Amino acid sequence: MYRLKTASGSFFSSKDGFFSSFVLPGTTRPTNFEGKFNETSEEFNTAAAVLIYTEAADLTGLYNLQAGSTVQRKKINLKLANDFKKECQIMANLTPNISTDSAVTGGGAWS
């Protein structure tokens, strides 16, 4: 059984896409995820995002948003997976809140 790891970071969303950046424990270099929602989403940002993952080596290449991914008034919950069934999750509380809740689809890439 794998032990889940966490990293703190930031998340920014605009009409053109989203960008998140995390510094994994034991490293000094940021690990970034840049993507797009297929749906229109409000612009928002937070400096208090959390990444939940299994292994740092898995955070590479293309990932797609999975069923259950949401951008809600008070929080985001993005469930990501790649073609090799590697999964991770980005979560954050939003302050200030946004005005709508929505399920989201899309994807992006780790760099």
N, C-alpha and C. Protein backbone atom coordinates (compact mmCIF):
# COMPACT_ATOMS: atom_id res chain seq x y z
N MET A 1 0.84 -1.17 0.00
CA MET A 1 0.00 0.00 0.00
C MET A 1 0.89 1.24 0.00
N TYR A 2 0.50 2.22 -0.80
CA TYR A 2 1.25 3.45 -0.91
C TYR A 2 0.81 4.46 0.15
N ARG A 3 1.78 5.20 0.63
CA ARG A 3 1.47 6.26 1.58
C ARG A 3 1.33 7.57 0.81
N LEU A 4 0.24 8.27 1.03
CA LEU A 4 0.01 9.53 0.34
C LEU A 4 0.88 10.63 0.93
N LYS A 5 1.35 11.52 0.06
CA LYS A 5 2.18 12.64 0.45
C LYS A 5 1.43 13.92 0.11
N THR A 6 1.81 15.01 0.76
CA THR A 6 1.19 16.30 0.47
C THR A 6 2.26 17.36 0.25
N ALA A 7 1.87 18.37 -0.52
CA ALA A 7 2.72 19.54 -0.75
C ALA A 7 1.83 20.77 -0.79
N SER A 8 2.34 21.87 -0.26
CA SER A 8 1.61 23.13 -0.28
C SER A 8 2.02 23.94 -1.49
N GLY A 9 1.07 24.77 -1.96
CA GLY A 9 1.39 25.60 -3.11
C GLY A 9 0.31 26.61 -3.41
N SER A 10 0.27 27.04 -4.66
CA SER A 10 -0.67 28.06 -5.09
C SER A 10 -1.42 27.59 -6.33
N PHE A 11 -2.56 28.25 -6.59
CA PHE A 11 -3.40 27.90 -7.74
C PHE A 11 -3.99 29.19 -8.29
N PHE A 12 -3.88 29.38 -9.60
CA PHE A 12 -4.40 30.56 -10.27
C PHE A 12 -5.26 30.12 -11.46
N SER A 13 -6.44 30.69 -11.57
CA SER A 13 -7.33 30.36 -12.69
C SER A 13 -7.72 31.64 -13.41
N SER A 14 -7.70 31.58 -14.74
CA SER A 14 -8.16 32.71 -15.56
C SER A 14 -9.05 32.15 -16.65
N LYS A 15 -9.58 33.02 -17.49
CA LYS A 15 -10.44 32.55 -18.57
C LYS A 15 -9.67 31.70 -19.59
N ASP A 16 -8.35 31.81 -19.60
CA ASP A 16 -7.53 31.07 -20.56
C ASP A 16 -7.01 29.75 -20.02
N GLY A 17 -7.15 29.48 -18.74
CA GLY A 17 -6.64 28.23 -18.19
C GLY A 17 -6.30 28.38 -16.72
N PHE A 18 -5.52 27.43 -16.21
CA PHE A 18 -5.12 27.50 -14.81
C PHE A 18 -3.68 27.06 -14.66
N PHE A 19 -3.07 27.48 -13.56
CA PHE A 19 -1.67 27.19 -13.26
C PHE A 19 -1.55 26.93 -11.76
N SER A 20 -0.86 25.88 -11.40
CA SER A 20 -0.60 25.60 -9.99
C SER A 20 0.88 25.29 -9.82
N SER A 21 1.40 25.63 -8.65
CA SER A 21 2.81 25.43 -8.37
C SER A 21 2.96 24.92 -6.94
N PHE A 22 3.78 23.88 -6.77
CA PHE A 22 3.98 23.26 -5.46
C PHE A 22 5.46 23.00 -5.25
N VAL A 23 5.92 23.15 -4.02
CA VAL A 23 7.28 22.75 -3.67
C VAL A 23 7.14 21.47 -2.85
N LEU A 24 7.62 20.35 -3.41
CA LEU A 24 7.50 19.06 -2.75
C LEU A 24 8.46 18.98 -1.57
N PRO A 25 8.08 18.28 -0.52
CA PRO A 25 8.96 18.13 0.64
C PRO A 25 10.34 17.59 0.22
N GLY A 26 11.38 18.16 0.79
CA GLY A 26 12.74 17.72 0.49
C GLY A 26 13.31 18.30 -0.79
N THR A 27 12.58 19.22 -1.44
CA THR A 27 13.07 19.84 -2.67
C THR A 27 13.01 21.36 -2.52
N THR A 28 13.67 22.03 -3.42
CA THR A 28 13.60 23.49 -3.45
C THR A 28 13.04 24.00 -4.77
N ARG A 29 12.92 23.11 -5.75
CA ARG A 29 12.44 23.48 -7.08
C ARG A 29 10.93 23.26 -7.17
N PRO A 30 10.18 24.25 -7.70
CA PRO A 30 8.73 24.07 -7.81
C PRO A 30 8.36 23.00 -8.85
N THR A 31 7.27 22.30 -8.58
CA THR A 31 6.65 21.37 -9.51
C THR A 31 5.35 22.04 -9.95
N ASN A 32 5.18 22.25 -11.25
CA ASN A 32 4.07 23.04 -11.77
C ASN A 32 3.10 22.20 -12.61
N PHE A 33 1.84 22.55 -12.53
CA PHE A 33 0.82 21.94 -13.38
C PHE A 33 0.07 23.07 -14.07
N GLU A 34 0.02 23.00 -15.41
CA GLU A 34 -0.68 24.01 -16.19
C GLU A 34 -1.73 23.32 -17.05
N GLY A 35 -2.96 23.85 -17.01
CA GLY A 35 -4.01 23.17 -17.75
C GLY A 35 -5.14 24.10 -18.17
N LYS A 36 -6.20 23.47 -18.69
CA LYS A 36 -7.39 24.19 -19.13
C LYS A 36 -8.62 23.44 -18.67
N PHE A 37 -9.63 24.22 -18.27
CA PHE A 37 -10.95 23.67 -18.04
C PHE A 37 -11.71 23.71 -19.36
N ASN A 38 -12.49 22.67 -19.66
CA ASN A 38 -13.33 22.70 -20.85
C ASN A 38 -14.51 23.64 -20.67
N GLU A 39 -14.86 23.90 -19.42
CA GLU A 39 -15.98 24.78 -19.11
C GLU A 39 -15.45 26.17 -18.78
N THR A 40 -16.31 27.16 -18.91
CA THR A 40 -15.97 28.51 -18.49
C THR A 40 -15.97 28.55 -16.97
N SER A 41 -14.94 29.11 -16.41
CA SER A 41 -14.83 29.22 -14.95
C SER A 41 -14.49 30.65 -14.58
N GLU A 42 -14.91 31.05 -13.40
CA GLU A 42 -14.54 32.38 -12.92
C GLU A 42 -13.04 32.43 -12.65
N GLU A 43 -12.50 33.63 -12.71
CA GLU A 43 -11.10 33.82 -12.35
C GLU A 43 -10.98 33.82 -10.83
N PHE A 44 -9.96 33.12 -10.34
CA PHE A 44 -9.71 33.09 -8.90
C PHE A 44 -8.27 32.67 -8.66
N ASN A 45 -7.79 32.89 -7.46
CA ASN A 45 -6.46 32.41 -7.09
C ASN A 45 -6.42 32.17 -5.59
N THR A 46 -5.49 31.33 -5.20
CA THR A 46 -5.27 31.04 -3.79
C THR A 46 -3.80 30.67 -3.58
N ALA A 47 -3.26 31.13 -2.48
CA ALA A 47 -1.89 30.77 -2.11
C ALA A 47 -1.89 29.62 -1.12
N ALA A 48 -3.05 28.97 -0.96
CA ALA A 48 -3.17 27.88 0.03
C ALA A 48 -3.72 26.61 -0.60
N ALA A 49 -3.15 26.21 -1.73
CA ALA A 49 -3.55 24.96 -2.38
C ALA A 49 -2.73 23.80 -1.80
N VAL A 50 -3.32 22.61 -1.87
CA VAL A 50 -2.65 21.40 -1.39
C VAL A 50 -2.67 20.36 -2.50
N LEU A 51 -1.52 19.76 -2.75
CA LEU A 51 -1.39 18.65 -3.69
C LEU A 51 -1.28 17.37 -2.89
N ILE A 52 -2.07 16.37 -3.25
CA ILE A 52 -1.99 15.04 -2.64
C ILE A 52 -1.52 14.09 -3.73
N TYR A 53 -0.44 13.36 -3.47
CA TYR A 53 0.17 12.50 -4.49
C TYR A 53 0.81 11.29 -3.82
N THR A 54 1.22 10.33 -4.64
CA THR A 54 1.87 9.13 -4.12
C THR A 54 3.39 9.22 -4.23
N GLU A 55 3.89 9.49 -5.44
CA GLU A 55 5.33 9.57 -5.68
C GLU A 55 5.64 10.78 -6.54
N ALA A 56 6.69 11.51 -6.20
CA ALA A 56 7.10 12.68 -6.98
C ALA A 56 7.39 12.31 -8.43
N ALA A 57 7.92 11.13 -8.66
CA ALA A 57 8.26 10.69 -10.01
C ALA A 57 7.02 10.57 -10.91
N ASP A 58 5.84 10.45 -10.30
CA ASP A 58 4.60 10.34 -11.08
C ASP A 58 4.13 11.68 -11.62
N LEU A 59 4.65 12.78 -11.09
CA LEU A 59 4.18 14.11 -11.46
C LEU A 59 4.91 14.62 -12.69
N THR A 60 4.63 13.96 -13.79
CA THR A 60 5.24 14.31 -15.07
C THR A 60 4.27 13.98 -16.19
N GLY A 61 4.32 14.75 -17.24
CA GLY A 61 3.49 14.47 -18.41
C GLY A 61 2.05 14.92 -18.28
N LEU A 62 1.21 14.36 -19.16
CA LEU A 62 -0.19 14.77 -19.27
C LEU A 62 -1.08 14.08 -18.25
N TYR A 63 -2.00 14.83 -17.68
CA TYR A 63 -3.02 14.33 -16.76
C TYR A 63 -4.37 14.91 -17.16
N ASN A 64 -5.43 14.14 -16.98
CA ASN A 64 -6.79 14.60 -17.26
C ASN A 64 -7.58 14.72 -15.96
N LEU A 65 -8.48 15.70 -15.92
CA LEU A 65 -9.39 15.82 -14.79
C LEU A 65 -10.37 14.65 -14.83
N GLN A 66 -10.62 14.07 -13.68
CA GLN A 66 -11.48 12.90 -13.57
C GLN A 66 -12.86 13.30 -13.04
N ALA A 67 -13.82 12.35 -13.15
CA ALA A 67 -15.17 12.57 -12.63
C ALA A 67 -15.08 12.97 -11.16
N GLY A 68 -15.90 13.90 -10.76
CA GLY A 68 -15.89 14.38 -9.39
C GLY A 68 -15.04 15.63 -9.19
N SER A 69 -14.36 16.09 -10.24
CA SER A 69 -13.58 17.33 -10.14
C SER A 69 -14.54 18.51 -10.12
N THR A 70 -14.35 19.42 -9.17
CA THR A 70 -15.28 20.54 -9.02
C THR A 70 -14.56 21.85 -8.71
N VAL A 71 -15.19 22.92 -9.16
CA VAL A 71 -14.85 24.26 -8.73
C VAL A 71 -16.13 24.77 -8.08
N GLN A 72 -16.09 24.91 -6.76
CA GLN A 72 -17.27 25.33 -6.01
C GLN A 72 -17.06 26.73 -5.46
N ARG A 73 -18.13 27.28 -4.91
CA ARG A 73 -18.07 28.65 -4.39
C ARG A 73 -16.93 28.84 -3.39
N LYS A 74 -16.74 27.85 -2.52
CA LYS A 74 -15.78 28.00 -1.42
C LYS A 74 -14.53 27.15 -1.57
N LYS A 75 -14.49 26.23 -2.56
CA LYS A 75 -13.32 25.34 -2.65
C LYS A 75 -13.20 24.74 -4.04
N ILE A 76 -11.98 24.27 -4.32
CA ILE A 76 -11.76 23.48 -5.54
C ILE A 76 -11.31 22.09 -5.11
N ASN A 77 -11.66 21.11 -5.94
CA ASN A 77 -11.26 19.73 -5.72
C ASN A 77 -11.03 19.12 -7.10
N LEU A 78 -9.79 19.05 -7.52
CA LEU A 78 -9.44 18.54 -8.84
C LEU A 78 -8.79 17.17 -8.71
N LYS A 79 -9.44 16.17 -9.29
CA LYS A 79 -8.92 14.80 -9.28
C LYS A 79 -8.29 14.55 -10.65
N LEU A 80 -7.00 14.23 -10.64
CA LEU A 80 -6.23 14.08 -11.87
C LEU A 80 -5.70 12.66 -12.01
N ALA A 81 -5.64 12.19 -13.26
CA ALA A 81 -5.04 10.87 -13.53
C ALA A 81 -4.42 10.89 -14.93
N ASN A 82 -3.38 10.07 -15.10
CA ASN A 82 -2.78 9.94 -16.43
C ASN A 82 -3.17 8.60 -17.05
N ASP A 83 -2.65 8.33 -18.23
CA ASP A 83 -2.99 7.09 -18.94
C ASP A 83 -2.46 5.84 -18.25
N PHE A 84 -1.54 6.00 -17.31
CA PHE A 84 -0.96 4.86 -16.59
C PHE A 84 -1.60 4.65 -15.22
N LYS A 85 -2.77 5.30 -15.03
CA LYS A 85 -3.56 5.17 -13.78
C LYS A 85 -2.86 5.78 -12.57
N LYS A 86 -1.90 6.66 -12.80
CA LYS A 86 -1.28 7.41 -11.71
C LYS A 86 -2.23 8.55 -11.37
N GLU A 87 -2.50 8.76 -10.09
CA GLU A 87 -3.48 9.75 -9.67
C GLU A 87 -2.89 10.74 -8.69
N CYS A 88 -3.46 11.94 -8.68
CA CYS A 88 -3.15 12.95 -7.69
C CYS A 88 -4.36 13.86 -7.56
N GLN A 89 -4.31 14.75 -6.60
CA GLN A 89 -5.46 15.62 -6.33
C GLN A 89 -4.97 16.99 -5.90
N ILE A 90 -5.63 18.03 -6.39
CA ILE A 90 -5.35 19.40 -5.98
C ILE A 90 -6.60 19.93 -5.29
N MET A 91 -6.42 20.44 -4.07
CA MET A 91 -7.55 20.96 -3.29
C MET A 91 -7.18 22.33 -2.73
N ALA A 92 -8.21 23.17 -2.54
CA ALA A 92 -7.98 24.48 -1.93
C ALA A 92 -9.29 25.09 -1.50
N ASN A 93 -9.25 25.85 -0.43
CA ASN A 93 -10.37 26.70 -0.04
C ASN A 93 -10.20 28.03 -0.75
N LEU A 94 -11.33 28.64 -1.15
CA LEU A 94 -11.28 29.90 -1.88
C LEU A 94 -11.76 31.05 -1.00
N THR A 95 -10.89 32.04 -0.85
CA THR A 95 -11.24 33.27 -0.15
C THR A 95 -10.65 34.42 -0.95
N PRO A 96 -11.43 35.29 -1.53
CA PRO A 96 -12.89 35.33 -1.43
C PRO A 96 -13.53 34.22 -2.23
N ASN A 97 -14.77 33.94 -1.91
CA ASN A 97 -15.53 32.91 -2.61
C ASN A 97 -15.88 33.37 -4.02
N ILE A 98 -16.16 32.40 -4.89
CA ILE A 98 -16.66 32.73 -6.22
C ILE A 98 -18.18 32.55 -6.21
N SER A 99 -18.85 32.87 -7.31
CA SER A 99 -20.31 32.93 -7.28
C SER A 99 -21.03 31.66 -7.71
N THR A 100 -20.34 30.69 -8.32
CA THR A 100 -21.03 29.50 -8.82
C THR A 100 -20.28 28.22 -8.48
N ASP A 101 -21.03 27.12 -8.45
CA ASP A 101 -20.47 25.77 -8.32
C ASP A 101 -20.52 25.11 -9.69
N SER A 102 -19.50 24.34 -10.05
CA SER A 102 -19.58 23.59 -11.29
C SER A 102 -18.66 22.38 -11.28
N ALA A 103 -19.11 21.34 -11.95
CA ALA A 103 -18.24 20.20 -12.24
C ALA A 103 -17.35 20.64 -13.40
N VAL A 104 -16.11 20.19 -13.41
CA VAL A 104 -15.19 20.60 -14.47
C VAL A 104 -14.51 19.40 -15.11
N THR A 105 -14.19 19.56 -16.38
CA THR A 105 -13.41 18.59 -17.13
C THR A 105 -12.26 19.35 -17.78
N GLY A 106 -11.30 18.62 -18.30
CA GLY A 106 -10.16 19.24 -18.95
C GLY A 106 -8.90 18.47 -18.64
N GLY A 107 -7.78 19.15 -18.67
CA GLY A 107 -6.52 18.49 -18.39
C GLY A 107 -5.36 19.44 -18.55
N GLY A 108 -4.17 18.88 -18.41
CA GLY A 108 -2.97 19.69 -18.52
C GLY A 108 -1.72 18.85 -18.35
N ALA A 109 -0.62 19.51 -18.04
CA ALA A 109 0.67 18.81 -17.96
C ALA A 109 1.49 19.30 -16.78
N TRP A 110 2.23 18.38 -16.18
CA TRP A 110 3.20 18.69 -15.12
C TRP A 110 4.52 19.11 -15.77
N SER A 111 5.19 20.04 -15.14
CA SER A 111 6.53 20.43 -15.62
C SER A 111 7.41 20.73 -14.42
